[in-house]
N, C-alpha and C. Protein backbone atom coordinates (compact mmCIF):
# COMPACT_ATOMS: atom_id res chain seq x y z
N ILE A 1 -12.34 9.19 10.08
CA ILE A 1 -10.83 9.95 10.27
C ILE A 1 -10.21 9.71 11.35
N LYS A 2 -10.83 9.22 12.28
CA LYS A 2 -10.05 8.77 14.04
C LYS A 2 -9.38 8.15 13.59
N THR A 3 -10.13 6.80 12.91
CA THR A 3 -10.05 5.48 13.29
C THR A 3 -8.62 5.39 12.39
N TYR A 4 -8.64 6.66 11.01
CA TYR A 4 -7.79 5.95 10.03
C TYR A 4 -5.91 6.66 10.67
N THR A 5 -6.43 7.87 11.47
CA THR A 5 -5.05 8.42 11.51
C THR A 5 -4.48 8.06 12.55
N HIS A 6 -5.29 7.47 13.53
CA HIS A 6 -4.29 6.90 14.76
C HIS A 6 -4.56 8.37 15.65
N MET A 7 -4.57 9.24 16.11
CA MET A 7 -4.54 10.13 15.87
C MET A 7 -4.32 9.72 17.99
N ASP A 8 -4.96 9.72 18.48
CA ASP A 8 -5.50 9.30 20.06
C ASP A 8 -5.05 8.38 20.21
N ARG A 9 -4.24 7.39 19.81
CA ARG A 9 -3.16 6.81 20.28
C ARG A 9 -1.46 6.81 20.62
N GLY A 10 -1.47 6.27 21.30
CA GLY A 10 -0.10 6.88 21.86
C GLY A 10 1.23 6.14 20.42
N SER A 11 2.90 6.50 20.79
CA SER A 11 3.72 5.90 19.58
C SER A 11 4.25 4.73 19.71
N ALA A 12 3.89 3.87 20.68
CA ALA A 12 4.47 2.41 20.84
C ALA A 12 3.30 1.52 19.86
N ARG A 13 3.63 0.76 19.24
CA ARG A 13 3.84 -0.44 18.40
C ARG A 13 2.10 -1.38 19.57
N GLU A 14 1.54 -1.32 18.60
CA GLU A 14 0.17 -1.66 18.70
C GLU A 14 0.16 -3.58 18.29
N SER A 15 -0.65 -4.44 18.96
CA SER A 15 -1.21 -6.03 17.94
C SER A 15 -2.55 -5.29 17.25
N ILE A 16 -2.28 -5.09 16.39
CA ILE A 16 -3.78 -5.10 15.40
C ILE A 16 -3.79 -6.08 14.00
N ASN A 17 -4.75 -5.82 13.93
CA ASN A 17 -5.52 -6.53 12.42
C ASN A 17 -5.01 -6.01 11.78
N ILE A 18 -4.51 -6.22 10.40
CA ILE A 18 -4.06 -5.27 9.23
C ILE A 18 -5.21 -5.12 8.70
N HIS A 19 -5.99 -5.75 8.63
CA HIS A 19 -7.19 -5.49 7.43
C HIS A 19 -8.09 -4.00 8.20
N GLU A 20 -8.48 -3.93 8.95
CA GLU A 20 -8.44 -2.53 9.71
C GLU A 20 -8.00 -1.20 9.00
N GLY A 21 -6.89 -0.94 8.93
CA GLY A 21 -6.16 -0.23 8.10
C GLY A 21 -6.40 -0.03 7.07
N ILE A 22 -6.48 -1.31 5.93
CA ILE A 22 -6.82 -1.40 5.22
C ILE A 22 -7.87 -1.01 4.56
N LYS A 23 -8.92 -1.30 4.96
CA LYS A 23 -10.75 -0.94 5.23
C LYS A 23 -10.60 0.72 5.46
N SER A 24 -10.31 1.19 6.81
CA SER A 24 -10.54 2.71 6.78
C SER A 24 -9.71 3.07 5.83
N THR A 25 -8.37 2.85 5.16
CA THR A 25 -7.88 3.33 3.70
C THR A 25 -9.08 3.97 2.65
N LEU A 26 -9.08 2.09 2.25
CA LEU A 26 -10.47 2.62 0.94
C LEU A 26 -11.40 2.79 1.44
N ILE A 27 -11.36 3.21 2.15
CA ILE A 27 -12.65 4.60 2.72
C ILE A 27 -12.62 5.62 2.26
N MET A 28 -10.85 6.17 2.86
CA MET A 28 -11.15 7.86 2.68
C MET A 28 -10.75 7.74 1.29
N LEU A 29 -10.30 6.85 0.43
CA LEU A 29 -10.18 7.09 -0.96
C LEU A 29 -11.31 6.17 -2.45
N LYS A 30 -11.92 6.56 -1.10
CA LYS A 30 -13.17 5.68 -1.75
C LYS A 30 -13.98 6.63 -3.24
N HIS A 31 -13.96 7.98 -2.83
CA HIS A 31 -13.91 9.00 -4.26
C HIS A 31 -13.21 9.14 -4.91
N LYS A 32 -12.41 8.93 -5.03
CA LYS A 32 -11.17 8.49 -6.26
C LYS A 32 -11.58 7.00 -7.27
N LEU A 33 -11.80 6.50 -6.59
CA LEU A 33 -11.84 5.01 -6.78
C LEU A 33 -13.05 4.85 -7.52
N ARG A 34 -14.26 5.76 -6.81
CA ARG A 34 -15.41 5.57 -7.61
C ARG A 34 -15.52 6.50 -8.46
N GLN A 35 -14.14 7.37 -9.16
CA GLN A 35 -14.34 8.33 -10.01
C GLN A 35 -13.92 8.26 -10.95
N LYS A 36 -13.27 6.84 -11.12
CA LYS A 36 -12.47 5.91 -12.48
C LYS A 36 -13.32 5.08 -12.46
N ASN A 37 -13.93 4.48 -11.71
CA ASN A 37 -15.43 3.71 -11.53
C ASN A 37 -13.52 1.86 -11.12
N ILE A 38 -13.29 2.24 -10.25
CA ILE A 38 -12.06 1.28 -10.08
C ILE A 38 -12.97 0.11 -9.68
N GLU A 39 -12.71 -0.81 -9.61
CA GLU A 39 -12.99 -2.51 -9.42
C GLU A 39 -12.10 -2.62 -8.08
N VAL A 40 -12.56 -2.84 -6.91
CA VAL A 40 -12.49 -3.48 -5.81
C VAL A 40 -11.96 -4.92 -5.89
N VAL A 41 -10.84 -6.15 -5.63
CA VAL A 41 -11.15 -7.42 -5.62
C VAL A 41 -10.21 -7.18 -4.00
N LYS A 42 -11.34 -8.10 -3.12
CA LYS A 42 -9.78 -8.72 -2.65
C LYS A 42 -9.81 -9.78 -1.80
N ASP A 43 -8.64 -10.58 -1.84
CA ASP A 43 -8.34 -11.44 -1.55
C ASP A 43 -7.91 -11.72 -0.07
N ILE A 44 -8.45 -11.54 1.01
CA ILE A 44 -8.26 -11.73 2.08
C ILE A 44 -8.30 -12.99 2.79
N GLN A 45 -7.73 -13.19 3.57
CA GLN A 45 -7.09 -13.91 4.57
C GLN A 45 -7.29 -13.66 5.84
N LEU A 46 -9.35 -13.45 6.24
CA LEU A 46 -9.67 -13.08 7.82
C LEU A 46 -8.65 -13.74 9.20
N ASP A 47 -8.45 -14.83 9.41
CA ASP A 47 -7.77 -15.31 10.61
C ASP A 47 -6.39 -15.64 10.10
N LEU A 48 -6.03 -14.26 10.02
CA LEU A 48 -4.45 -13.62 10.29
C LEU A 48 -4.19 -13.30 11.99
N PRO A 49 -2.67 -13.64 12.12
CA PRO A 49 -3.16 -13.39 13.54
C PRO A 49 -2.52 -11.65 13.62
N PRO A 50 -2.69 -11.41 14.71
CA PRO A 50 -2.25 -9.55 14.92
C PRO A 50 -1.11 -9.60 14.08
N LEU A 51 -1.23 -7.92 13.62
CA LEU A 51 0.71 -7.58 13.37
C LEU A 51 0.58 -6.58 14.71
N LYS A 52 2.50 -6.46 15.26
CA LYS A 52 2.68 -5.98 16.28
C LYS A 52 3.06 -4.69 15.44
N ALA A 53 2.39 -3.40 15.37
CA ALA A 53 2.92 -2.41 14.68
C ALA A 53 2.59 -1.25 15.10
N HIS A 54 2.99 -0.25 14.03
CA HIS A 54 2.74 1.52 14.82
C HIS A 54 1.05 1.85 13.71
N PRO A 55 0.30 1.49 13.26
CA PRO A 55 -1.01 1.24 13.14
C PRO A 55 -1.40 2.80 12.23
N GLY A 56 -1.03 4.26 12.49
CA GLY A 56 -0.92 4.84 12.10
C GLY A 56 0.23 5.21 10.24
N GLU A 57 1.19 4.47 11.07
CA GLU A 57 2.27 4.78 9.83
C GLU A 57 1.82 3.51 8.66
N LEU A 58 1.22 2.38 9.42
CA LEU A 58 1.14 1.30 8.27
C LEU A 58 -0.40 1.55 7.76
N ASN A 59 -0.76 3.10 7.97
CA ASN A 59 -1.99 3.55 6.81
C ASN A 59 -1.06 4.66 6.13
N GLN A 60 -0.09 4.86 5.94
CA GLN A 60 0.68 5.77 5.85
C GLN A 60 1.10 5.40 4.09
N VAL A 61 1.71 3.81 4.58
CA VAL A 61 1.32 2.72 3.64
C VAL A 61 0.36 2.27 2.42
N TRP A 62 -0.42 2.36 3.17
CA TRP A 62 -1.24 1.74 2.59
C TRP A 62 -2.14 2.53 1.82
N THR A 63 -1.80 4.34 2.51
CA THR A 63 -2.90 5.14 0.85
C THR A 63 -1.65 5.36 -0.05
N ASN A 64 -0.50 5.53 0.80
CA ASN A 64 0.63 5.94 -0.70
C ASN A 64 0.39 5.06 -1.61
N LEU A 65 0.24 3.68 -1.40
CA LEU A 65 0.35 2.35 -2.28
C LEU A 65 -1.07 2.25 -2.79
N ILE A 66 -1.91 2.28 -1.92
CA ILE A 66 -3.19 2.70 -3.51
C ILE A 66 -3.25 4.34 -4.27
N ASP A 67 -2.95 5.10 -3.23
CA ASP A 67 -3.29 6.20 -4.97
C ASP A 67 -2.76 6.38 -5.37
N ASN A 68 -0.99 5.84 -5.52
CA ASN A 68 -0.85 5.72 -6.32
C ASN A 68 -1.17 4.57 -7.68
N ALA A 69 -1.61 3.25 -6.85
CA ALA A 69 -2.60 2.62 -8.16
C ALA A 69 -3.39 3.29 -8.59
N ILE A 70 -3.97 3.75 -8.08
CA ILE A 70 -5.38 4.36 -8.74
C ILE A 70 -4.69 5.42 -9.90
N ASP A 71 -4.30 6.37 -9.47
CA ASP A 71 -3.40 6.49 -9.99
C ASP A 71 -2.81 6.62 -11.96
N ALA A 72 -2.18 5.51 -10.98
CA ALA A 72 -1.62 4.97 -12.66
C ALA A 72 -2.84 4.24 -13.67
N MET A 73 -3.73 3.39 -13.18
CA MET A 73 -5.21 3.01 -14.14
C MET A 73 -6.05 4.48 -14.22
N ASP A 74 -6.81 3.33 -15.81
CA ASP A 74 -7.41 4.40 -16.08
C ASP A 74 -8.46 4.36 -16.02
N LYS A 75 -9.63 4.80 -16.18
CA LYS A 75 -11.04 3.83 -15.84
C LYS A 75 -11.20 2.92 -15.90
N ASP A 76 -12.13 2.44 -15.40
CA ASP A 76 -12.34 0.97 -14.89
C ASP A 76 -11.10 -0.09 -15.07
N GLY A 77 -10.23 0.46 -14.41
CA GLY A 77 -9.29 -0.38 -14.16
C GLY A 77 -9.70 -1.56 -12.98
N THR A 78 -8.66 -2.43 -12.01
CA THR A 78 -8.79 -3.26 -11.21
C THR A 78 -7.99 -3.02 -10.18
N LEU A 79 -8.51 -2.63 -9.24
CA LEU A 79 -6.76 -2.92 -8.03
C LEU A 79 -7.29 -4.31 -6.66
N THR A 80 -6.42 -4.64 -7.03
CA THR A 80 -6.64 -6.28 -5.92
C THR A 80 -5.75 -5.92 -4.82
N ILE A 81 -6.36 -6.02 -3.66
CA ILE A 81 -5.97 -6.30 -2.12
C ILE A 81 -5.76 -7.80 -1.81
N LYS A 82 -4.71 -8.16 -1.03
CA LYS A 82 -4.46 -9.41 -1.03
C LYS A 82 -3.67 -9.89 0.20
N THR A 83 -3.83 -10.45 1.17
CA THR A 83 -3.22 -10.70 2.01
C THR A 83 -3.36 -11.87 2.83
N TYR A 84 -2.40 -12.81 3.14
CA TYR A 84 -2.00 -14.49 4.05
C TYR A 84 -0.51 -14.53 4.61
N GLN A 85 -0.74 -15.45 4.99
CA GLN A 85 0.43 -15.54 5.86
C GLN A 85 1.75 -16.70 5.59
N GLU A 86 2.54 -15.94 5.31
CA GLU A 86 3.24 -17.02 4.89
C GLU A 86 4.98 -16.93 6.02
N ARG A 87 4.86 -18.75 6.38
CA ARG A 87 5.18 -18.71 6.85
C ARG A 87 5.44 -17.55 8.05
N GLN A 88 7.09 -17.35 8.33
CA GLN A 88 6.39 -16.78 10.22
C GLN A 88 6.42 -14.64 9.48
N TYR A 89 5.88 -14.27 8.14
CA TYR A 89 5.03 -12.82 7.76
C TYR A 89 3.81 -12.96 7.56
N LEU A 90 3.52 -12.20 7.95
CA LEU A 90 2.35 -11.31 7.62
C LEU A 90 2.22 -10.78 5.59
N CYS A 91 1.73 -10.99 4.61
CA CYS A 91 1.81 -10.55 3.80
C CYS A 91 0.55 -9.95 3.37
N VAL A 92 1.35 -8.25 2.59
CA VAL A 92 0.19 -7.99 1.60
C VAL A 92 0.22 -7.41 0.27
N GLU A 93 -0.14 -7.58 -0.48
CA GLU A 93 0.38 -6.93 -2.30
C GLU A 93 -0.96 -6.42 -2.65
N ILE A 94 -0.60 -5.28 -2.94
CA ILE A 94 -1.04 -4.11 -3.49
C ILE A 94 -1.51 -4.83 -5.44
N ILE A 95 -2.49 -4.79 -5.98
CA ILE A 95 -1.93 -5.18 -6.77
C ILE A 95 -2.73 -4.05 -7.85
N ASP A 96 -2.50 -3.38 -9.35
CA ASP A 96 -3.05 -2.53 -10.53
C ASP A 96 -3.14 -3.25 -12.30
N SER A 97 -3.99 -2.88 -12.51
CA SER A 97 -3.59 -2.92 -13.56
C SER A 97 -3.35 -1.96 -14.34
N GLY A 98 -2.61 -1.04 -13.88
CA GLY A 98 -2.57 0.02 -14.91
C GLY A 98 -0.87 -0.18 -16.00
N ALA A 99 -0.45 1.07 -16.09
CA ALA A 99 0.54 0.85 -17.49
C ALA A 99 1.86 0.12 -17.12
N GLY A 100 1.68 0.35 -16.02
CA GLY A 100 2.69 -0.52 -15.32
C GLY A 100 4.51 0.22 -14.94
N ILE A 101 5.64 0.31 -14.59
CA ILE A 101 6.66 0.93 -14.15
C ILE A 101 7.73 0.39 -15.18
N PRO A 102 8.08 1.17 -15.62
CA PRO A 102 9.28 1.22 -16.99
C PRO A 102 10.53 0.34 -16.48
N GLU A 103 10.73 -0.85 -16.51
CA GLU A 103 12.01 -1.23 -15.99
C GLU A 103 12.99 -0.19 -15.77
N GLU A 104 13.88 0.45 -15.91
CA GLU A 104 14.56 1.25 -15.37
C GLU A 104 14.23 2.12 -14.71
N GLU A 105 12.71 2.03 -14.74
CA GLU A 105 12.68 3.43 -13.38
C GLU A 105 12.30 2.38 -11.92
N GLN A 106 12.43 0.65 -11.90
CA GLN A 106 12.06 0.10 -10.92
C GLN A 106 13.08 0.39 -9.83
N THR A 107 14.21 0.44 -10.14
CA THR A 107 15.13 0.79 -9.07
C THR A 107 15.48 1.86 -8.71
N VAL A 108 14.44 2.95 -9.11
CA VAL A 108 15.18 4.34 -8.62
C VAL A 108 13.72 4.91 -7.70
N ILE A 109 12.52 3.54 -7.66
CA ILE A 109 11.26 4.52 -7.37
C ILE A 109 11.56 4.53 -6.08
N PHE A 110 12.27 3.86 -5.42
CA PHE A 110 11.74 4.38 -3.89
C PHE A 110 13.21 5.35 -3.69
N GLU A 111 13.22 6.16 -4.40
CA GLU A 111 14.78 7.18 -4.10
C GLU A 111 13.52 8.55 -3.62
N PRO A 112 14.05 9.54 -2.15
CA PRO A 112 13.72 10.55 -2.76
C PRO A 112 13.52 11.38 -3.85
N PHE A 113 12.49 12.14 -3.99
CA PHE A 113 11.92 13.33 -4.80
C PHE A 113 11.74 12.21 -6.49
N PHE A 114 11.98 11.00 -6.86
CA PHE A 114 11.71 10.13 -7.69
C PHE A 114 10.01 10.01 -8.34
N THR A 115 9.65 10.91 -9.45
CA THR A 115 8.85 10.88 -9.97
C THR A 115 7.93 10.16 -10.60
N THR A 116 7.06 9.97 -11.10
CA THR A 116 7.00 9.28 -12.83
C THR A 116 5.56 10.47 -12.77
N LYS A 117 5.74 11.03 -11.93
CA LYS A 117 3.67 12.18 -12.03
C LYS A 117 4.41 13.39 -12.77
N PRO A 118 3.78 13.78 -13.57
CA PRO A 118 4.05 14.77 -14.06
C PRO A 118 4.03 16.50 -12.89
N MET A 119 5.13 17.54 -13.20
CA MET A 119 5.13 18.21 -12.52
C MET A 119 4.03 18.63 -11.75
N GLY A 120 3.62 18.94 -10.21
CA GLY A 120 2.96 19.48 -9.50
C GLY A 120 1.58 18.55 -9.16
N LYS A 121 1.80 17.48 -10.23
CA LYS A 121 1.20 15.79 -9.35
C LYS A 121 1.95 15.33 -8.46
N GLY A 122 3.13 14.97 -8.23
CA GLY A 122 3.42 14.19 -6.86
C GLY A 122 4.79 14.57 -6.88
N THR A 123 5.64 14.61 -5.11
CA THR A 123 6.23 14.78 -4.69
C THR A 123 7.37 14.40 -4.70
N GLY A 124 7.02 13.14 -5.50
CA GLY A 124 8.34 11.81 -4.99
C GLY A 124 8.64 11.32 -3.92
N MET A 125 7.80 11.97 -2.68
CA MET A 125 8.52 11.39 -1.55
C MET A 125 7.82 9.87 -0.64
N GLY A 126 5.98 9.97 -1.77
CA GLY A 126 4.95 8.55 -1.57
C GLY A 126 6.25 7.30 -0.96
N LEU A 127 6.76 6.79 -2.37
CA LEU A 127 7.76 5.23 -2.18
C LEU A 127 8.53 5.54 -1.44
N GLU A 128 9.06 6.60 -1.13
CA GLU A 128 10.26 6.81 -0.05
C GLU A 128 9.91 6.42 1.10
N ILE A 129 8.36 7.23 1.45
CA ILE A 129 8.00 6.82 3.11
C ILE A 129 7.25 5.57 3.17
N VAL A 130 6.67 4.69 2.29
CA VAL A 130 6.49 3.24 2.30
C VAL A 130 7.51 2.84 2.54
N LYS A 131 8.83 2.65 2.17
CA LYS A 131 9.96 1.98 2.01
C LYS A 131 10.38 2.31 4.02
N ARG A 132 10.52 3.19 4.44
CA ARG A 132 11.08 4.19 5.46
C ARG A 132 10.20 3.25 6.56
N ILE A 133 8.99 3.65 6.58
CA ILE A 133 7.90 2.56 7.27
C ILE A 133 8.55 1.04 7.27
N VAL A 134 8.30 0.43 5.95
CA VAL A 134 8.61 -0.95 5.86
C VAL A 134 9.63 -1.29 6.76
N ASP A 135 10.55 -0.33 6.35
CA ASP A 135 12.49 -0.84 7.01
C ASP A 135 12.19 -0.81 8.88
N ARG A 136 11.19 0.18 9.32
CA ARG A 136 11.01 0.29 10.36
C ARG A 136 10.35 -1.13 11.11
N HIS A 137 9.54 -1.27 10.10
CA HIS A 137 8.85 -2.55 10.74
C HIS A 137 9.33 -3.53 10.87
N HIS A 138 10.84 -3.67 10.15
CA HIS A 138 11.34 -4.61 10.11
C HIS A 138 11.21 -5.82 8.86
N GLY A 139 10.14 -5.27 7.77
CA GLY A 139 9.52 -5.88 6.70
C GLY A 139 10.13 -5.23 5.50
N THR A 140 9.60 -6.35 4.54
CA THR A 140 10.73 -6.00 2.79
C THR A 140 9.11 -5.81 2.08
N ILE A 141 10.02 -4.98 0.71
CA ILE A 141 8.76 -5.08 0.54
C ILE A 141 9.16 -4.75 -1.35
N ARG A 142 8.91 -5.71 -1.96
CA ARG A 142 9.25 -6.05 -3.76
C ARG A 142 8.58 -6.02 -4.63
N LEU A 143 8.22 -4.95 -5.68
CA LEU A 143 8.28 -4.93 -7.20
C LEU A 143 8.06 -5.80 -7.96
N GLU A 144 7.01 -6.21 -8.92
CA GLU A 144 6.81 -6.87 -10.07
C GLU A 144 5.78 -5.99 -10.75
N SER A 145 6.45 -5.65 -11.75
CA SER A 145 5.20 -4.45 -12.48
C SER A 145 6.04 -4.81 -14.37
N ARG A 146 4.60 -4.72 -15.29
CA ARG A 146 4.58 -5.01 -16.47
C ARG A 146 3.35 -4.67 -16.40
N PRO A 147 3.58 -4.09 -17.82
CA PRO A 147 1.84 -3.72 -18.59
C PRO A 147 0.84 -4.63 -17.90
N GLY A 148 0.00 -3.85 -17.88
CA GLY A 148 -1.32 -3.86 -17.45
C GLY A 148 -1.43 -4.91 -15.77
N ARG A 149 -0.51 -5.19 -15.25
CA ARG A 149 0.04 -5.73 -13.85
C ARG A 149 0.79 -5.04 -13.16
N THR A 150 0.63 -4.15 -11.94
CA THR A 150 1.82 -3.89 -11.21
C THR A 150 1.36 -4.41 -9.68
N CYS A 151 2.88 -5.33 -9.22
CA CYS A 151 2.10 -5.95 -8.02
C CYS A 151 3.19 -5.92 -6.42
N PHE A 152 3.15 -4.87 -5.98
CA PHE A 152 3.53 -4.92 -4.20
C PHE A 152 3.89 -5.02 -3.21
N LYS A 153 4.04 -6.29 -2.92
CA LYS A 153 4.31 -7.46 -2.00
C LYS A 153 5.71 -6.16 -0.77
N LEU A 154 4.55 -6.43 0.28
CA LEU A 154 4.74 -6.78 1.83
C LEU A 154 4.77 -7.71 2.28
N CYS A 155 5.95 -7.46 3.11
CA CYS A 155 5.80 -9.17 4.11
C CYS A 155 6.61 -8.54 4.90
N PHE A 156 5.79 -8.35 6.51
CA PHE A 156 6.44 -7.87 7.37
C PHE A 156 6.17 -9.28 8.98
N PRO A 157 7.14 -9.63 9.99
CA PRO A 157 7.39 -10.07 10.42
C PRO A 157 5.70 -10.74 11.59
N LEU A 158 6.25 -11.19 12.70
CA LEU A 158 5.03 -11.74 12.85
C LEU A 158 5.98 -11.51 14.50
N ASN A 159 7.09 -12.55 14.39
CA ASN A 159 7.51 -11.69 15.97
C ASN A 159 8.41 -11.13 15.88
């Protein structure tokens, strides 16, 4: 838990291995993954350069996106996590095999209090927090969604 939360660290950006936070997040959400028998596929590039970031904040990003992906899938779904370098950016894709996000909702999912979850299940703040943290790290986030495949692609500058 200490590794996941980074509560013992200062507030300055650190050079981090992006995979450590993703791994910690998957460990924290393992019970939910197991409950739905979700297969986790990792397509990761191990030799990525370190990213200058706030590790605890990025763990909030991974947690919100992976938790939403789990909620979007029925039993026996597939969660794919892909990491790679694209020019001067470090990119992470979180892909689920869920029902998809309707096109009319895709433009508002990052707005505060917007949720597709039933009353009492979500606050509508998760994706707004994700967007804020990605912006704070000067990154970008893109969404591609259709039934059976939703992909959040995040890219962070390496410089």
